Protein backbone atom coordinates (compact mmCIF):
# COMPACT_ATOMS: atom_id res chain seq x y z
CA MET A 1 -50.14 14.76 -54.66
CA ASN A 2 -48.69 14.51 -51.13
CA ARG A 3 -51.51 12.17 -50.08
CA ILE A 4 -50.82 9.87 -53.01
CA LEU A 5 -47.10 9.84 -52.19
CA LEU A 6 -47.82 9.18 -48.49
CA ALA A 7 -50.25 6.35 -49.35
CA ALA A 8 -47.70 4.80 -51.73
CA THR A 9 -44.95 5.00 -49.09
CA ILE A 10 -47.13 3.39 -46.43
CA GLY A 11 -48.13 0.67 -48.89
CA LEU A 12 -44.49 -0.07 -49.77
CA LEU A 13 -43.51 -0.12 -46.11
CA ALA A 14 -46.34 -2.55 -45.30
CA ALA A 15 -45.39 -4.80 -48.21
CA ALA A 16 -41.72 -4.81 -47.19
CA THR A 17 -42.61 -5.65 -43.57
CA ALA A 18 -44.88 -8.50 -44.67
CA SER A 19 -42.17 -9.82 -46.96
CA VAL A 20 -39.56 -9.83 -44.19
CA GLN A 21 -41.97 -11.53 -41.78
CA ALA A 22 -42.83 -14.20 -44.34
CA ALA A 23 -39.14 -14.84 -45.03
CA SER A 24 -38.35 -15.18 -41.31
CA VAL A 25 -41.25 -17.65 -40.80
CA GLN A 26 -40.05 -19.68 -43.76
CA ALA A 27 -36.44 -19.59 -42.53
CA ALA A 28 -37.52 -20.63 -39.03
CA SER A 29 -39.35 -23.68 -40.38
CA GLU A 30 -36.47 -24.88 -42.58
CA PRO A 31 -33.88 -27.12 -40.91
CA LEU A 32 -30.39 -25.77 -40.41
CA ILE A 33 -27.59 -27.10 -42.58
CA VAL A 34 -24.70 -28.46 -40.49
CA VAL A 35 -21.43 -27.75 -42.26
CA GLU A 36 -19.19 -29.59 -39.80
CA ASP A 37 -19.77 -31.19 -36.42
CA ARG A 38 -16.76 -32.23 -34.37
CA GLY A 39 -18.79 -33.16 -31.33
CA GLY A 40 -17.90 -31.59 -28.00
CA VAL A 41 -20.00 -29.71 -25.50
CA SER A 42 -22.74 -27.34 -26.55
CA ALA A 43 -21.96 -23.64 -26.17
CA LEU A 44 -25.66 -22.80 -25.90
CA PRO A 45 -25.59 -22.09 -22.13
CA HIS A 46 -23.03 -19.35 -22.74
CA TYR A 47 -25.28 -17.64 -25.28
CA GLN A 48 -28.65 -17.98 -23.54
CA ALA A 49 -27.91 -15.15 -21.13
CA LEU A 50 -27.13 -12.89 -24.10
CA ASN A 51 -30.51 -13.35 -25.78
CA PRO A 52 -33.12 -11.32 -23.87
CA GLN A 53 -35.67 -11.91 -26.67
CA ASP A 54 -35.97 -15.57 -25.73
CA SER A 55 -39.10 -15.11 -23.60
CA ASP A 56 -40.53 -18.61 -23.96
CA ARG A 57 -37.86 -20.13 -21.78
CA THR A 58 -39.49 -21.94 -18.84
CA THR A 59 -36.44 -22.37 -16.62
CA PRO A 60 -34.18 -19.54 -15.49
CA PRO A 61 -30.54 -19.74 -16.55
CA VAL A 62 -28.21 -21.49 -14.14
CA PRO A 63 -25.79 -18.93 -12.72
CA GLY A 64 -22.12 -19.79 -13.17
CA PRO A 65 -19.53 -19.50 -10.44
CA ALA A 66 -18.78 -15.92 -9.45
CA PRO A 67 -15.34 -14.79 -10.55
CA ARG A 68 -12.81 -14.61 -7.75
CA VAL A 69 -11.78 -11.03 -7.16
CA GLY A 70 -8.47 -10.69 -5.39
CA SER A 71 -6.20 -7.84 -4.61
CA ALA A 72 -3.93 -6.11 -7.10
CA ALA A 73 -0.97 -7.84 -5.44
CA ASP A 74 -2.61 -11.24 -6.04
CA ALA A 75 -3.20 -10.38 -9.70
CA GLU A 76 0.38 -9.22 -10.11
CA ALA A 77 1.77 -12.31 -8.36
CA ALA A 78 -0.23 -14.47 -10.77
CA MET A 79 1.71 -12.89 -13.67
CA LEU A 80 5.05 -14.02 -12.24
CA PRO A 81 7.54 -15.30 -13.13
CA VAL A 82 8.18 -13.06 -16.15
CA ARG A 83 10.74 -14.28 -18.68
CA SER A 84 11.73 -12.36 -21.81
CA VAL A 85 13.64 -14.81 -23.97
CA ARG A 86 14.69 -12.13 -26.49
CA LEU A 87 16.33 -9.98 -23.81
CA SER A 88 19.30 -10.46 -21.53
CA PRO A 89 21.41 -8.21 -19.29
CA GLY A 90 24.07 -6.39 -21.31
CA ASP A 91 25.10 -3.26 -23.16
CA GLU A 92 22.56 -2.04 -25.70
CA PRO A 93 24.03 0.38 -28.25
CA ARG A 94 22.71 3.95 -28.18
CA ARG A 95 20.64 4.89 -31.23
CA VAL A 96 18.13 7.41 -32.51
CA ILE A 97 14.50 6.50 -33.11
CA ARG A 98 11.45 8.51 -34.12
CA ALA A 99 8.46 7.69 -31.95
CA PRO A 100 6.59 10.96 -31.39
CA GLY A 101 4.32 10.89 -28.38
CA LEU A 102 5.96 7.85 -26.81
CA THR A 103 5.95 7.98 -23.02
CA PRO A 104 9.50 7.38 -21.78
CA LEU A 105 9.93 3.83 -20.56
CA PHE A 106 12.75 1.69 -19.34
CA LEU A 107 13.44 -2.02 -19.22
CA VAL A 108 15.14 -3.68 -16.27
CA GLY A 109 15.43 -7.14 -14.81
CA ASP A 110 16.18 -8.74 -11.48
CA ASP A 111 19.98 -8.74 -11.87
CA ASP A 112 22.99 -6.81 -10.51
CA ARG A 113 23.40 -4.69 -13.66
CA SER A 114 19.76 -3.55 -13.56
CA ARG A 115 19.89 -2.78 -9.85
CA ALA A 116 23.01 -0.61 -10.29
CA TRP A 117 21.43 1.12 -13.32
CA LEU A 118 18.26 1.89 -11.33
CA ARG A 119 20.25 3.38 -8.44
CA GLN A 120 22.31 5.53 -10.81
CA ARG A 121 19.42 6.74 -13.00
CA ARG A 122 16.55 6.97 -10.53
CA ALA A 123 16.42 10.80 -10.38
CA ALA A 124 16.61 11.19 -14.17
CA LEU A 125 13.90 8.55 -14.67
CA GLN A 126 11.64 10.33 -12.18
CA GLU A 127 12.22 13.64 -13.93
CA LEU A 128 11.23 12.05 -17.25
CA ARG A 129 8.24 10.37 -15.59
CA ALA A 130 9.43 7.15 -17.20
CA VAL A 131 7.52 3.92 -16.68
CA GLY A 132 9.51 0.78 -15.89
CA LEU A 133 8.93 -2.70 -17.27
CA VAL A 134 10.57 -5.50 -15.32
CA VAL A 135 11.20 -7.94 -18.15
CA ASN A 136 12.84 -10.75 -16.18
CA VAL A 137 11.76 -11.38 -12.60
CA ALA A 138 10.96 -14.60 -10.79
CA SER A 139 8.96 -13.73 -7.69
CA PRO A 140 6.91 -11.09 -5.91
CA ASP A 141 9.74 -10.70 -3.38
CA ALA A 142 12.28 -9.96 -6.12
CA LEU A 143 9.90 -7.42 -7.69
CA ALA A 144 9.35 -5.76 -4.29
CA ALA A 145 13.13 -5.52 -3.78
CA LEU A 146 13.48 -3.72 -7.13
CA ARG A 147 10.69 -1.32 -6.17
CA ARG A 148 12.46 -0.52 -2.88
CA LEU A 149 15.54 0.48 -4.90
CA ALA A 150 13.48 2.95 -6.96
CA PRO A 151 10.81 4.60 -4.83
CA GLY A 152 8.65 6.96 -6.82
CA LEU A 153 9.03 4.98 -10.05
CA THR A 154 6.43 2.68 -11.54
CA LEU A 155 7.80 -0.84 -12.05
CA SER A 156 5.47 -3.37 -13.67
CA PRO A 157 6.26 -6.97 -14.57
CA ALA A 158 5.83 -7.55 -18.30
CA SER A 159 7.46 -9.56 -21.05
CA GLY A 160 9.63 -7.38 -23.24
CA ASP A 161 9.82 -9.81 -26.17
CA ASP A 162 7.40 -7.96 -28.45
CA LEU A 163 9.02 -4.61 -27.72
CA ALA A 164 12.49 -6.11 -28.23
CA GLN A 165 11.48 -7.48 -31.60
CA ARG A 166 9.83 -4.25 -32.76
CA LEU A 167 12.70 -2.00 -31.68
CA GLY A 168 15.58 -4.39 -32.29
CA ILE A 169 16.64 -4.40 -28.64
CA ARG A 170 18.62 -7.36 -27.29
CA HIS A 171 19.77 -6.16 -23.89
CA TYR A 172 18.62 -4.33 -20.78
CA PRO A 173 18.72 -2.13 -18.74
CA VAL A 174 17.73 0.44 -21.32
CA LEU A 175 15.82 3.73 -21.54
CA ILE A 176 13.47 4.23 -24.50
CA THR A 177 12.23 7.75 -25.30
CA ALA A 178 10.45 9.31 -28.27
CA THR A 179 13.85 10.19 -29.75
CA GLY A 180 16.20 7.40 -28.81
CA ILE A 181 17.29 4.23 -27.08
CA GLU A 182 20.11 4.51 -24.57
CA PRO A 183 21.80 2.17 -22.15
C-alpha cells in the first residue's frame, strides 16, 4: 500500500512539475501586453544587478558611481536649515497625556526663550535622560551653540511638524513625557 501511495505521489509531483514548466515556456514565448507607456528612460539597468539568474548576459553590468560617504557632521549639516512651520516660540499649556513607554523628549529652537529654558532645565533633562529635538535652527554654528549650552544632552535637528500635529502642540520649548506635556 505504501509503495502504491509513494508511486502515486511521485507521479503527481512529476506531472505538476511538467505542467509548470510547460506554462512557463508558453508564457515566455507570448509577447507582453503593454498597459501604458509614457516613454522615459528604461529602468532595466537598475534591476539587472538584482537578477543573479540571468546567466546568459555577455557583458558585465556597468558599475554606478560610488556613494559619497562623509562624516556625521557633514550629514547633519546637509539637514539644515530645519524649519517647523507648525511650531513657534511661546508658552505651551501644561496637559496630561497617556503615552506609556515614551522616552522623554523636549523641543527647542534657536531663540532666546529656548536658550534660557535649556539653561534652567538642563539638570532635570539629564536626570530624565530626555532627548532634544531642535525644531527650528538655521546653521551648524547655531546648532553647535545650543549644544554648548547643554553639555551632556542629545540635541538633534528635526522638524517637529508631525509631532506638533499629533500632540496638538503649537509652541516650544516644551518637555514631553509618557504622562504629560509641560512648558
